[in-house]
Protein backbone atom coordinates (compact mmCIF):
# COMPACT_ATOMS: atom_id res chain seq x y z
CA UNK A 1 58.30 85.07 101.46
CA UNK A 2 56.91 85.10 98.14
CA UNK A 3 53.55 83.34 97.26
CA UNK A 4 52.53 82.43 93.90
CA UNK A 5 49.36 84.01 92.31
CA UNK A 6 47.03 81.35 94.61
CA UNK A 7 48.84 82.09 97.50
CA UNK A 8 49.86 78.81 98.05
CA UNK A 9 53.54 77.75 96.64
CA UNK A 10 55.90 79.75 98.42
CA UNK A 11 59.50 80.80 98.52
CA UNK A 12 61.19 81.68 101.56
CA UNK A 13 64.85 81.73 103.44
CA UNK A 14 66.27 82.06 106.90
CA UNK A 15 68.75 84.62 108.02
CA UNK A 16 71.44 82.26 107.55
CA UNK A 17 71.12 81.50 103.92
CA UNK A 18 69.04 78.98 103.22
CA UNK A 19 65.94 78.12 101.19
CA UNK A 20 62.71 77.10 102.41
CA UNK A 21 60.23 76.29 99.82
CA UNK A 22 56.71 74.44 100.02
CA UNK A 23 52.81 74.74 99.77
CA UNK A 24 50.49 76.19 101.92
CA UNK A 25 47.61 73.76 102.93
CA UNK A 26 43.90 75.38 103.23
CA UNK A 27 40.38 74.07 103.93
CA UNK A 28 38.41 76.59 102.55
CA UNK A 29 40.27 80.15 103.16
CA UNK A 30 41.85 78.82 106.52
CA UNK A 31 45.43 77.48 106.68
CA UNK A 32 45.72 74.30 108.21
CA UNK A 33 49.55 73.46 107.55
CA UNK A 34 52.36 73.02 105.30
CA UNK A 35 53.19 70.63 102.76
CA UNK A 36 56.32 69.74 100.40
CA UNK A 37 58.34 71.59 102.57
CA UNK A 38 62.51 71.30 101.40
CA UNK A 39 65.22 72.96 102.65
CA UNK A 40 68.54 73.82 100.59
CA UNK A 41 71.91 76.31 100.82
CA UNK A 42 71.58 79.11 98.60
CA UNK A 43 74.43 78.48 96.49
CA UNK A 44 77.26 81.64 95.80
CA UNK A 45 78.74 81.78 91.78
CA UNK A 46 81.23 79.33 92.91
CA UNK A 47 78.64 76.65 93.56
CA UNK A 48 79.32 76.84 97.47
CA UNK A 49 77.11 78.01 100.01
CA UNK A 50 76.80 81.68 100.39
CA UNK A 51 77.79 81.36 103.94
CA UNK A 52 81.24 79.81 103.53
CA UNK A 53 82.13 83.42 101.76
CA UNK A 54 81.05 85.22 105.10
CA UNK A 55 77.97 86.34 103.36
CA UNK A 56 74.55 86.12 105.57
CA UNK A 57 72.27 87.97 107.17
CA UNK A 58 69.78 87.05 103.99
CA UNK A 59 66.67 89.75 104.95
CA UNK A 60 65.00 90.45 101.78
CA UNK A 61 63.70 88.68 98.83
CA UNK A 62 62.22 90.08 95.28
CA UNK A 63 60.98 87.68 92.27
CA UNK A 64 61.17 89.24 88.54
CA UNK A 65 59.50 86.05 86.76
CA UNK A 66 61.72 83.28 87.49
CA UNK A 67 64.58 85.27 88.95
CA UNK A 68 65.05 85.65 92.48
CA UNK A 69 66.70 88.77 93.99
CA UNK A 70 68.03 88.35 97.50
CA UNK A 71 69.28 91.42 99.80
CA UNK A 72 72.37 90.30 102.06
CA UNK A 73 71.81 92.56 105.06
CA UNK A 74 75.04 92.30 106.93
CA UNK A 75 77.70 92.69 103.94
CA UNK A 76 74.98 95.16 101.86
CA UNK A 77 75.16 92.79 98.79
CA UNK A 78 72.07 91.95 96.22
CA UNK A 79 72.51 88.44 94.86
CA UNK A 80 70.60 87.29 91.98
CA UNK A 81 69.16 83.79 91.13
CA UNK A 82 67.90 82.05 87.63
CA UNK A 83 65.80 79.58 89.43
CA UNK A 84 65.02 78.23 85.80
CA UNK A 85 68.62 76.99 86.14
CA UNK A 86 68.23 74.39 88.74
CA UNK A 87 65.27 76.03 91.26
CA UNK A 88 67.12 76.38 94.32
CA UNK A 89 70.27 75.10 93.26
CA UNK A 90 70.50 77.43 90.90
CA UNK A 91 74.15 79.67 91.66
CA UNK A 92 73.48 83.42 92.62
CA UNK A 93 75.60 86.38 91.08
CA UNK A 94 76.26 89.94 92.67
CA UNK A 95 74.44 92.53 91.00
CA UNK A 96 76.04 96.30 90.73
CA UNK A 97 74.39 98.00 93.44
CA UNK A 98 74.87 102.27 93.87
CA UNK A 99 77.99 102.91 96.00
CA UNK A 100 75.82 104.37 98.69
CA UNK A 101 74.44 100.61 99.57
CA UNK A 102 77.91 100.40 101.02
CA UNK A 103 77.35 102.93 103.62
CA UNK A 104 74.65 101.88 105.21
CA UNK A 105 74.90 101.39 108.86
CA UNK A 106 75.54 97.85 110.07
CA UNK A 107 73.38 95.44 110.65
CA UNK A 108 70.70 98.37 109.70
CA UNK A 109 71.12 97.86 105.64
CA UNK A 110 68.38 96.09 103.05
CA UNK A 111 65.51 94.79 104.06
CA UNK A 112 63.17 95.33 101.63
CA UNK A 113 63.38 94.42 97.72
CA UNK A 114 60.54 94.85 95.16
CA UNK A 115 61.09 94.31 91.73
CA UNK A 116 58.35 96.67 89.30
CA UNK A 117 56.57 94.44 86.44
CA UNK A 118 55.91 95.79 83.02
CA UNK A 119 52.56 98.14 82.94
CA UNK A 120 53.28 99.99 86.19
CA UNK A 121 55.28 103.57 87.01
CA UNK A 122 59.35 102.38 87.19
CA UNK A 123 58.79 99.23 85.30
CA UNK A 124 62.13 96.87 85.63
CA UNK A 125 63.09 98.80 88.10
CA UNK A 126 64.41 97.05 91.59
CA UNK A 127 63.58 99.17 94.61
CA UNK A 128 66.05 98.37 97.86
CA UNK A 129 64.99 99.53 101.02
CA UNK A 130 67.16 99.99 104.06
CA UNK A 131 66.02 98.96 107.43
CA UNK A 132 67.12 102.07 109.28
CA UNK A 133 69.91 103.83 107.07
CA UNK A 134 68.80 107.54 107.28
CA UNK A 135 69.66 110.24 105.35
CA UNK A 136 70.30 114.18 106.46
CA UNK A 137 66.66 114.55 107.29
CA UNK A 138 66.41 111.43 109.69
CA UNK A 139 64.38 109.37 106.75
CA UNK A 140 64.77 106.29 105.43
CA UNK A 141 67.02 105.41 102.44
CA UNK A 142 65.69 103.75 99.54
CA UNK A 143 67.11 103.18 96.03
CA UNK A 144 65.97 102.20 92.44
CA UNK A 145 68.16 100.28 90.41
CA UNK A 146 67.98 99.82 86.69
CA UNK A 147 65.05 100.91 85.23
CA UNK A 148 65.06 104.07 83.23
CA UNK A 149 65.21 106.69 86.51
CA UNK A 150 67.57 105.04 88.53
CA UNK A 151 68.15 107.02 91.81
CA UNK A 152 67.74 107.36 95.49
CA UNK A 153 64.79 108.67 97.21
CA UNK A 154 63.70 108.57 101.08
CA UNK A 155 60.59 107.45 102.82
CA UNK A 156 59.48 109.03 106.02
CA UNK A 157 60.12 107.70 109.06
CA UNK A 158 57.94 108.35 112.28
CA UNK A 159 57.65 107.14 115.55
CA UNK A 160 60.73 105.09 115.39
CA UNK A 161 59.36 102.25 112.91
CA UNK A 162 61.62 100.53 110.76
CA UNK A 163 61.21 98.86 107.32
CA UNK A 164 61.31 95.13 107.18
CA UNK A 165 59.53 94.46 104.25
CA UNK A 166 57.57 95.64 101.14
CA UNK A 167 54.77 94.38 98.45
CA UNK A 168 53.80 95.96 95.57
CA UNK A 169 50.04 95.42 94.79
CA UNK A 170 48.30 94.74 91.43
CA UNK A 171 47.01 98.40 91.72
CA UNK A 172 50.35 100.07 91.96
CA UNK A 173 50.16 100.45 95.54
CA UNK A 174 53.40 100.00 97.67
CA UNK A 175 52.70 98.14 101.14
CA UNK A 176 55.85 98.78 103.39
CA UNK A 177 55.52 96.78 106.67
CA UNK A 178 57.64 98.44 109.49
CA UNK A 179 58.46 97.48 113.12
CA UNK A 180 59.71 98.80 116.54
CA UNK A 181 61.03 97.49 119.68
CA UNK A 182 61.72 98.47 122.95
CA UNK A 183 62.01 96.82 126.46
CA UNK A 184 59.20 99.20 127.63
CA UNK A 185 56.85 99.23 124.70
CA UNK A 186 57.77 95.54 123.36
CA UNK A 187 57.28 94.74 119.82
CA UNK A 188 54.80 96.87 117.32
CA UNK A 189 54.08 96.36 114.14
CA UNK A 190 52.82 98.55 111.04
CA UNK A 191 51.62 98.37 107.44
CA UNK A 192 51.84 101.66 105.62
CA UNK A 193 50.08 102.76 101.75
CA UNK A 194 52.60 104.60 99.61
CA UNK A 195 51.55 105.33 95.83
CA UNK A 196 53.79 104.13 93.61
CA UNK A 197 53.62 106.87 91.24
CA UNK A 198 54.84 109.30 94.10
CA UNK A 199 58.21 107.16 94.38
CA UNK A 200 60.81 108.95 91.89
CA UNK A 201 65.07 109.61 92.55
CA UNK A 202 65.04 112.58 95.29
CA UNK A 203 61.60 112.07 96.43
CA UNK A 204 60.93 111.77 100.31
CA UNK A 205 57.09 109.39 100.21
CA UNK A 206 55.14 108.66 102.85
CA UNK A 207 51.46 107.19 102.87
CA UNK A 208 48.93 106.50 105.44
CA UNK A 209 49.10 103.60 107.98
CA UNK A 210 46.60 100.95 107.18
CA UNK A 211 47.32 98.31 110.02
CA UNK A 212 49.18 98.41 113.55
CA UNK A 213 49.48 95.82 115.77
CA UNK A 214 51.19 95.04 119.41
CA UNK A 215 51.91 92.01 121.42
CA UNK A 216 48.20 92.40 122.76
CA UNK A 217 46.94 91.21 119.48
CA UNK A 218 49.33 88.28 119.44
CA UNK A 219 51.95 89.54 117.00
CA UNK A 220 55.74 88.91 116.86
CA UNK A 221 58.72 89.89 114.86
CA UNK A 222 57.01 90.06 111.71
CA UNK A 223 59.51 90.42 109.00
CA UNK A 224 57.87 89.28 105.49
CA UNK A 225 54.59 90.46 103.97
CA UNK A 226 53.05 89.25 100.41
CA UNK A 227 50.08 89.31 98.72
CA UNK A 228 47.65 87.51 96.39
CA UNK A 229 44.06 87.99 95.11
CA UNK A 230 41.39 85.21 95.68
CA UNK A 231 39.29 83.64 93.29
CA UNK A 232 36.57 86.24 94.72
CA UNK A 233 38.73 89.24 94.26
CA UNK A 234 40.12 89.89 97.58
CA UNK A 235 43.35 90.87 98.26
CA UNK A 236 45.08 88.51 101.06
CA UNK A 237 48.14 89.91 103.10
CA UNK A 238 50.24 86.95 104.21
CA UNK A 239 52.64 87.76 107.08
CA UNK A 240 55.67 85.90 108.79
CA UNK A 241 57.74 86.80 111.70
CA UNK A 242 61.23 85.68 112.06
CA UNK A 243 61.93 84.03 115.64
CA UNK A 244 65.74 85.18 115.49
CA UNK A 245 66.80 81.98 116.81
CA UNK A 246 65.31 82.61 119.99
CA UNK A 247 63.17 80.37 122.60
CA UNK A 248 61.13 83.26 124.00
CA UNK A 249 60.26 84.38 120.15
CA UNK A 250 57.83 82.70 117.30
CA UNK A 251 57.70 81.89 113.83
CA UNK A 252 54.22 82.96 112.99
CA UNK A 253 52.22 82.97 109.57
CA UNK A 254 49.40 84.88 109.54
CA UNK A 255 46.79 86.20 107.15
CA UNK A 256 44.44 89.09 107.07
CA UNK A 257 42.10 90.20 104.11
CA UNK A 258 42.96 93.70 102.81
CA UNK A 259 39.28 95.77 103.40
CA UNK A 260 39.46 98.88 100.96
């Protein structure tokens, strides 16, 4: 999910290549519902739904103005949509990615995308991170695409957490949403804060955990994170879960104020 600067209008999507757009309704600072919700199929360069090509498992999203990038995990591709050309009816075009992206493990491929805006280190770079693609040291593989310093880097993996999404804060901190699952302990989620300035080709980056929760905290399979700043100057994190089309899982929309 990606939100506008007010934390109201959103662009989201399902694993099966369907856009969902709309608006979060608030009463004060409390979410009370959704409005103006619409659904539409993601379209490929030929104008047909991407699923007709066997492109599915859309798992990651990044915005760069009117450009929307979507990562397709099962086929390890990234599509770019120009929303100035028809909004969700825009046609997606495949963008070139490093050859190593194709070597990511099945169903553990690109899970988080971030475009770095002007004024920050790595401006103009698309940062793409794998769910559980591991390098020789057992750390999570990430890619820097475009920009002035393209290349590959790694995110230190710990406690069996995998990457599920990421968001870049205005101050240049990269927040990475992670999750883990076992039949014994259930679902766990974590948010780590990483300094964007530490991300560089061949670097292995790490950062402190700032949030951790499990089923005892009424979370679920949290796969999306975004951030916006309130008029009062508070940073609000919005998290969304994926129910995996399961009757025993839930789609939850949660918000937290980031306390510095």
